[in-house]
Amino acid sequence: MKIRPAEAKDLPRLHDILVATARFTDDEVEIAVHLVDSAIKHPEKGDYVAHVAEGSDARIQGYVCFGPTPMT
């Protein structure tokens, strides 16, 4: 397993993973993908950080996206 920063090319696979879990609403999936996209496009802001886990076949197996929560 390889962990690396998320890239724009990963977004469709991340979307598929979120939908396949059948635990998120359409709005939640949209927001999750948007946050990863924001982390990719605007790393200088430091709002979010996103990484993906690649299997031995280079297919994305999962991801993490995190950032600060205001007033916590």
PDB file of N, CA and C in Angstrom:
ATOM      1  N   MET A   1       0.853  -1.170   0.000  1.00  0.00           N
ATOM      2  CA  MET A   1       0.000   0.000   0.000  1.00  0.00           C
ATOM      3  C   MET A   1       0.899   1.234   0.000  1.00  0.00           C
ATOM      4  N   LYS A   2       0.526   2.182  -0.824  1.00  0.00           N
ATOM      5  CA  LYS A   2       1.273   3.436  -0.944  1.00  0.00           C
ATOM      6  C   LYS A   2       0.346   4.589  -0.572  1.00  0.00           C
ATOM      7  N   ILE A   3       0.823   5.476   0.277  1.00  0.00           N
ATOM      8  CA  ILE A   3       0.078   6.680   0.652  1.00  0.00           C
ATOM      9  C   ILE A   3       0.715   7.850  -0.084  1.00  0.00           C
ATOM     10  N   ARG A   4      -0.113   8.651  -0.743  1.00  0.00           N
ATOM     11  CA  ARG A   4       0.404   9.813  -1.471  1.00  0.00           C
ATOM     12  C   ARG A   4      -0.637  10.926  -1.446  1.00  0.00           C
ATOM     13  N   PRO A   5      -0.203  12.164  -1.742  1.00  0.00           N
ATOM     14  CA  PRO A   5      -1.173  13.254  -1.820  1.00  0.00           C
ATOM     15  C   PRO A   5      -2.212  12.980  -2.908  1.00  0.00           C
ATOM     16  N   ALA A   6      -3.435  13.386  -2.646  1.00  0.00           N
ATOM     17  CA  ALA A   6      -4.508  13.230  -3.625  1.00  0.00           C
ATOM     18  C   ALA A   6      -4.234  14.125  -4.828  1.00  0.00           C
ATOM     19  N   GLU A   7      -4.675  13.664  -5.998  1.00  0.00           N
ATOM     20  CA  GLU A   7      -4.540  14.408  -7.241  1.00  0.00           C
ATOM     21  C   GLU A   7      -5.910  14.492  -7.906  1.00  0.00           C
ATOM     22  N   ALA A   8      -6.058  15.459  -8.807  1.00  0.00           N
ATOM     23  CA  ALA A   8      -7.347  15.652  -9.484  1.00  0.00           C
ATOM     24  C   ALA A   8      -7.825  14.379 -10.179  1.00  0.00           C
ATOM     25  N   LYS A   9      -6.904  13.590 -10.718  1.00  0.00           N
ATOM     26  CA  LYS A   9      -7.291  12.359 -11.418  1.00  0.00           C
ATOM     27  C   LYS A   9      -7.944  11.338 -10.486  1.00  0.00           C
ATOM     28  N   ASP A  10      -7.783  11.517  -9.162  1.00  0.00           N
ATOM     29  CA  ASP A  10      -8.338  10.588  -8.179  1.00  0.00           C
ATOM     30  C   ASP A  10      -9.805  10.856  -7.849  1.00  0.00           C
ATOM     31  N   LEU A  11     -10.297  12.024  -8.183  1.00  0.00           N
ATOM     32  CA  LEU A  11     -11.639  12.422  -7.749  1.00  0.00           C
ATOM     33  C   LEU A  11     -12.749  11.464  -8.189  1.00  0.00           C
ATOM     34  N   PRO A  12     -12.761  10.994  -9.431  1.00  0.00           N
ATOM     35  CA  PRO A  12     -13.833  10.047  -9.796  1.00  0.00           C
ATOM     36  C   PRO A  12     -13.808   8.770  -8.949  1.00  0.00           C
ATOM     37  N   ARG A  13     -12.635   8.242  -8.672  1.00  0.00           N
ATOM     38  CA  ARG A  13     -12.530   7.032  -7.850  1.00  0.00           C
ATOM     39  C   ARG A  13     -12.976   7.315  -6.419  1.00  0.00           C
ATOM     40  N   LEU A  14     -12.612   8.473  -5.873  1.00  0.00           N
ATOM     41  CA  LEU A  14     -13.044   8.816  -4.514  1.00  0.00           C
ATOM     42  C   LEU A  14     -14.565   8.921  -4.462  1.00  0.00           C
ATOM     43  N   HIS A  15     -15.144   9.514  -5.484  1.00  0.00           N
ATOM     44  CA  HIS A  15     -16.599   9.598  -5.564  1.00  0.00           C
ATOM     45  C   HIS A  15     -17.211   8.196  -5.551  1.00  0.00           C
ATOM     46  N   ASP A  16     -16.651   7.302  -6.360  1.00  0.00           N
ATOM     47  CA  ASP A  16     -17.161   5.927  -6.429  1.00  0.00           C
ATOM     48  C   ASP A  16     -17.065   5.215  -5.080  1.00  0.00           C
ATOM     49  N   ILE A  17     -15.963   5.424  -4.380  1.00  0.00           N
ATOM     50  CA  ILE A  17     -15.779   4.801  -3.060  1.00  0.00           C
ATOM     51  C   ILE A  17     -16.843   5.301  -2.089  1.00  0.00           C
ATOM     52  N   LEU A  18     -17.068   6.596  -2.077  1.00  0.00           N
ATOM     53  CA  LEU A  18     -18.062   7.179  -1.170  1.00  0.00           C
ATOM     54  C   LEU A  18     -19.462   6.642  -1.469  1.00  0.00           C
ATOM     55  N   VAL A  19     -19.814   6.569  -2.733  1.00  0.00           N
ATOM     56  CA  VAL A  19     -21.139   6.065  -3.118  1.00  0.00           C
ATOM     57  C   VAL A  19     -21.265   4.586  -2.755  1.00  0.00           C
ATOM     58  N   ALA A  20     -20.199   3.820  -2.994  1.00  0.00           N
ATOM     59  CA  ALA A  20     -20.237   2.370  -2.752  1.00  0.00           C
ATOM     60  C   ALA A  20     -20.430   2.019  -1.278  1.00  0.00           C
ATOM     61  N   THR A  21     -20.044   2.911  -0.377  1.00  0.00           N
ATOM     62  CA  THR A  21     -20.230   2.609   1.045  1.00  0.00           C
ATOM     63  C   THR A  21     -21.703   2.617   1.435  1.00  0.00           C
ATOM     64  N   ALA A  22     -22.517   3.306   0.652  1.00  0.00           N
ATOM     65  CA  ALA A  22     -23.961   3.414   0.907  1.00  0.00           C
ATOM     66  C   ALA A  22     -24.260   3.958   2.305  1.00  0.00           C
ATOM     67  N   ARG A  23     -23.413   4.840   2.786  1.00  0.00           N
ATOM     68  CA  ARG A  23     -23.605   5.444   4.107  1.00  0.00           C
ATOM     69  C   ARG A  23     -23.740   6.964   4.053  1.00  0.00           C
ATOM     70  N   PHE A  24     -23.578   7.538   2.865  1.00  0.00           N
ATOM     71  CA  PHE A  24     -23.602   8.989   2.732  1.00  0.00           C
ATOM     72  C   PHE A  24     -24.723   9.416   1.806  1.00  0.00           C
ATOM     73  N   THR A  25     -25.314  10.560   2.117  1.00  0.00           N
ATOM     74  CA  THR A  25     -26.319  11.134   1.220  1.00  0.00           C
ATOM     75  C   THR A  25     -25.595  11.699  -0.004  1.00  0.00           C
ATOM     76  N   ASP A  26     -26.368  11.985  -1.039  1.00  0.00           N
ATOM     77  CA  ASP A  26     -25.779  12.597  -2.231  1.00  0.00           C
ATOM     78  C   ASP A  26     -25.089  13.912  -1.886  1.00  0.00           C
ATOM     79  N   ASP A  27     -25.707  14.704  -1.003  1.00  0.00           N
ATOM     80  CA  ASP A  27     -25.106  15.975  -0.597  1.00  0.00           C
ATOM     81  C   ASP A  27     -23.788  15.758   0.142  1.00  0.00           C
ATOM     82  N   GLU A  28     -23.736  14.761   1.008  1.00  0.00           N
ATOM     83  CA  GLU A  28     -22.508  14.469   1.746  1.00  0.00           C
ATOM     84  C   GLU A  28     -21.391  14.012   0.809  1.00  0.00           C
ATOM     85  N   VAL A  29     -21.732  13.218  -0.186  1.00  0.00           N
ATOM     86  CA  VAL A  29     -20.734  12.779  -1.170  1.00  0.00           C
ATOM     87  C   VAL A  29     -20.203  13.996  -1.928  1.00  0.00           C
ATOM     88  N   GLU A  30     -21.100  14.864  -2.352  1.00  0.00           N
ATOM     89  CA  GLU A  30     -20.710  16.066  -3.093  1.00  0.00           C
ATOM     90  C   GLU A  30     -19.778  16.934  -2.252  1.00  0.00           C
ATOM     91  N   ILE A  31     -20.096  17.114  -0.993  1.00  0.00           N
ATOM     92  CA  ILE A  31     -19.260  17.935  -0.106  1.00  0.00           C
ATOM     93  C   ILE A  31     -17.901  17.285   0.106  1.00  0.00           C
ATOM     94  N   ALA A  32     -17.876  15.974   0.318  1.00  0.00           N
ATOM     95  CA  ALA A  32     -16.601  15.271   0.535  1.00  0.00           C
ATOM     96  C   ALA A  32     -15.682  15.414  -0.675  1.00  0.00           C
ATOM     97  N   VAL A  33     -16.228  15.230  -1.866  1.00  0.00           N
ATOM     98  CA  VAL A  33     -15.419  15.371  -3.080  1.00  0.00           C
ATOM     99  C   VAL A  33     -14.968  16.815  -3.246  1.00  0.00           C
ATOM    100  N   HIS A  34     -15.842  17.752  -2.932  1.00  0.00           N
ATOM    101  CA  HIS A  34     -15.486  19.175  -3.018  1.00  0.00           C
ATOM    102  C   HIS A  34     -14.322  19.512  -2.072  1.00  0.00           C
ATOM    103  N   LEU A  35     -14.337  18.971  -0.868  1.00  0.00           N
ATOM    104  CA  LEU A  35     -13.261  19.246   0.085  1.00  0.00           C
ATOM    105  C   LEU A  35     -11.922  18.705  -0.413  1.00  0.00           C
ATOM    106  N   VAL A  36     -11.932  17.520  -0.990  1.00  0.00           N
ATOM    107  CA  VAL A  36     -10.696  16.958  -1.544  1.00  0.00           C
ATOM    108  C   VAL A  36     -10.234  17.817  -2.717  1.00  0.00           C
ATOM    109  N   ASP A  37     -11.172  18.198  -3.567  1.00  0.00           N
ATOM    110  CA  ASP A  37     -10.841  19.061  -4.703  1.00  0.00           C
ATOM    111  C   ASP A  37     -10.232  20.377  -4.224  1.00  0.00           C
ATOM    112  N   SER A  38     -10.786  20.940  -3.190  1.00  0.00           N
ATOM    113  CA  SER A  38     -10.263  22.180  -2.620  1.00  0.00           C
ATOM    114  C   SER A  38      -8.848  21.990  -2.082  1.00  0.00           C
ATOM    115  N   ALA A  39      -8.610  20.867  -1.423  1.00  0.00           N
ATOM    116  CA  ALA A  39      -7.268  20.583  -0.901  1.00  0.00           C
ATOM    117  C   ALA A  39      -6.261  20.464  -2.036  1.00  0.00           C
ATOM    118  N   ILE A  40      -6.678  19.894  -3.157  1.00  0.00           N
ATOM    119  CA  ILE A  40      -5.797  19.726  -4.314  1.00  0.00           C
ATOM    120  C   ILE A  40      -5.519  21.066  -4.983  1.00  0.00           C
ATOM    121  N   LYS A  41      -6.568  21.842  -5.210  1.00  0.00           N
ATOM    122  CA  LYS A  41      -6.439  23.096  -5.959  1.00  0.00           C
ATOM    123  C   LYS A  41      -5.822  24.232  -5.163  1.00  0.00           C
ATOM    124  N   HIS A  42      -5.981  24.200  -3.843  1.00  0.00           N
ATOM    125  CA  HIS A  42      -5.534  25.328  -3.027  1.00  0.00           C
ATOM    126  C   HIS A  42      -4.720  24.890  -1.809  1.00  0.00           C
ATOM    127  N   PRO A  43      -3.633  24.160  -2.022  1.00  0.00           N
ATOM    128  CA  PRO A  43      -2.841  23.697  -0.866  1.00  0.00           C
ATOM    129  C   PRO A  43      -2.238  24.848  -0.069  1.00  0.00           C
ATOM    130  N   GLU A  44      -2.032  25.980  -0.732  1.00  0.00           N
ATOM    131  CA  GLU A  44      -1.442  27.131  -0.048  1.00  0.00           C
ATOM    132  C   GLU A  44      -2.340  27.692   1.053  1.00  0.00           C
ATOM    133  N   LYS A  45      -3.633  27.467   0.957  1.00  0.00           N
ATOM    134  CA  LYS A  45      -4.566  27.938   1.977  1.00  0.00           C
ATOM    135  C   LYS A  45      -4.423  27.149   3.270  1.00  0.00           C
ATOM    136  N   GLY A  46      -4.054  25.883   3.152  1.00  0.00           N
ATOM    137  CA  GLY A  46      -3.900  25.053   4.342  1.00  0.00           C
ATOM    138  C   GLY A  46      -5.212  24.677   4.998  1.00  0.00           C
ATOM    139  N   ASP A  47      -6.336  24.880   4.294  1.00  0.00           N
ATOM    140  CA  ASP A  47      -7.637  24.546   4.876  1.00  0.00           C
ATOM    141  C   ASP A  47      -7.814  23.040   5.043  1.00  0.00           C
ATOM    142  N   TYR A  48      -7.416  22.291   4.023  1.00  0.00           N
ATOM    143  CA  TYR A  48      -7.579  20.841   4.054  1.00  0.00           C
ATOM    144  C   TYR A  48      -6.353  20.157   3.469  1.00  0.00           C
ATOM    145  N   VAL A  49      -6.119  18.946   3.929  1.00  0.00           N
ATOM    146  CA  VAL A  49      -5.052  18.084   3.416  1.00  0.00           C
ATOM    147  C   VAL A  49      -5.719  16.777   3.029  1.00  0.00           C
ATOM    148  N   ALA A  50      -5.377  16.252   1.853  1.00  0.00           N
ATOM    149  CA  ALA A  50      -5.985  15.001   1.392  1.00  0.00           C
ATOM    150  C   ALA A  50      -4.913  14.066   0.849  1.00  0.00           C
ATOM    151  N   HIS A  51      -4.986  12.818   1.270  1.00  0.00           N
ATOM    152  CA  HIS A  51      -4.086  11.771   0.783  1.00  0.00           C
ATOM    153  C   HIS A  51      -4.921  10.558   0.385  1.00  0.00           C
ATOM    154  N   VAL A  52      -4.371   9.776  -0.523  1.00  0.00           N
ATOM    155  CA  VAL A  52      -5.026   8.542  -0.940  1.00  0.00           C
ATOM    156  C   VAL A  52      -4.128   7.350  -0.630  1.00  0.00           C
ATOM    157  N   ALA A  53      -4.767   6.194  -0.502  1.00  0.00           N
ATOM    158  CA  ALA A  53      -4.044   4.932  -0.316  1.00  0.00           C
ATOM    159  C   ALA A  53      -4.211   4.125  -1.595  1.00  0.00           C
ATOM    160  N   GLU A  54      -3.079   3.785  -2.211  1.00  0.00           N
ATOM    161  CA  GLU A  54      -3.086   2.990  -3.430  1.00  0.00           C
ATOM    162  C   GLU A  54      -2.715   1.553  -3.108  1.00  0.00           C
ATOM    163  N   GLY A  55      -3.438   0.621  -3.699  1.00  0.00           N
ATOM    164  CA  GLY A  55      -3.080  -0.785  -3.567  1.00  0.00           C
ATOM    165  C   GLY A  55      -1.899  -1.115  -4.466  1.00  0.00           C
ATOM    166  N   SER A  56      -1.462  -2.353  -4.446  1.00  0.00           N
ATOM    167  CA  SER A  56      -0.316  -2.766  -5.250  1.00  0.00           C
ATOM    168  C   SER A  56      -0.589  -2.637  -6.748  1.00  0.00           C
ATOM    169  N   ASP A  57      -1.875  -2.576  -7.132  1.00  0.00           N
ATOM    170  CA  ASP A  57      -2.244  -2.398  -8.539  1.00  0.00           C
ATOM    171  C   ASP A  57      -2.424  -0.922  -8.903  1.00  0.00           C
ATOM    172  N   ALA A  58      -2.042  -0.022  -7.983  1.00  0.00           N
ATOM    173  CA  ALA A  58      -2.138   1.436  -8.150  1.00  0.00           C
ATOM    174  C   ALA A  58      -3.587   1.933  -8.150  1.00  0.00           C
ATOM    175  N   ARG A  59      -4.531   1.083  -7.789  1.00  0.00           N
ATOM    176  CA  ARG A  59      -5.937   1.511  -7.689  1.00  0.00           C
ATOM    177  C   ARG A  59      -6.164   2.113  -6.307  1.00  0.00           C
ATOM    178  N   ILE A  60      -6.870   3.220  -6.256  1.00  0.00           N
ATOM    179  CA  ILE A  60      -7.158   3.893  -4.994  1.00  0.00           C
ATOM    180  C   ILE A  60      -8.065   3.004  -4.143  1.00  0.00           C
ATOM    181  N   GLN A  61      -7.649   2.752  -2.910  1.00  0.00           N
ATOM    182  CA  GLN A  61      -8.401   1.910  -1.982  1.00  0.00           C
ATOM    183  C   GLN A  61      -9.129   2.727  -0.911  1.00  0.00           C
ATOM    184  N   GLY A  62      -8.677   3.948  -0.687  1.00  0.00           N
ATOM    185  CA  GLY A  62      -9.285   4.792   0.318  1.00  0.00           C
ATOM    186  C   GLY A  62      -8.600   6.143   0.337  1.00  0.00           C
ATOM    187  N   TYR A  63      -9.106   7.016   1.196  1.00  0.00           N
ATOM    188  CA  TYR A  63      -8.506   8.342   1.292  1.00  0.00           C
ATOM    189  C   TYR A  63      -8.767   8.936   2.673  1.00  0.00           C
ATOM    190  N   VAL A  64      -8.041   9.997   2.945  1.00  0.00           N
ATOM    191  CA  VAL A  64      -8.253  10.773   4.152  1.00  0.00           C
ATOM    192  C   VAL A  64      -8.216  12.247   3.762  1.00  0.00           C
ATOM    193  N   CYS A  65      -9.095  13.013   4.347  1.00  0.00           N
ATOM    194  CA  CYS A  65      -9.116  14.457   4.135  1.00  0.00           C
ATOM    195  C   CYS A  65      -9.391  15.084   5.487  1.00  0.00           C
ATOM    196  N   PHE A  66      -8.520  16.006   5.881  1.00  0.00           N
ATOM    197  CA  PHE A  66      -8.712  16.611   7.199  1.00  0.00           C
ATOM    198  C   PHE A  66      -8.298  18.068   7.171  1.00  0.00           C
ATOM    199  N   GLY A  67      -8.820  18.807   8.134  1.00  0.00           N
ATOM    200  CA  GLY A  67      -8.505  20.212   8.285  1.00  0.00           C
ATOM    201  C   GLY A  67      -9.005  20.691   9.620  1.00  0.00           C
ATOM    202  N   PRO A  68      -8.646  21.900   9.975  1.00  0.00           N
ATOM    203  CA  PRO A  68      -9.068  22.432  11.265  1.00  0.00           C
ATOM    204  C   PRO A  68     -10.567  22.680  11.330  1.00  0.00           C
ATOM    205  N   THR A  69     -11.105  22.519  12.490  1.00  0.00           N
ATOM    206  CA  THR A  69     -12.501  22.848  12.737  1.00  0.00           C
ATOM    207  C   THR A  69     -12.541  24.145  13.550  1.00  0.00           C
ATOM    208  N   PRO A  70     -13.160  25.190  13.012  1.00  0.00           N
ATOM    209  CA  PRO A  70     -13.193  26.471  13.729  1.00  0.00           C
ATOM    210  C   PRO A  70     -13.786  26.325  15.134  1.00  0.00           C
ATOM    211  N   MET A  71     -13.178  27.028  16.087  1.00  0.00           N
ATOM    212  CA  MET A  71     -13.647  27.156  17.461  1.00  0.00           C
ATOM    213  C   MET A  71     -13.623  25.828  18.229  1.00  0.00           C
ATOM    214  N   THR A  72     -12.710  24.927  17.859  1.00  0.00           N
ATOM    215  CA  THR A  72     -12.572  23.691  18.633  1.00  0.00           C
ATOM    216  C   THR A  72     -11.251  23.663  19.339  1.00  0.00           C
TER     217      THR A  72
END
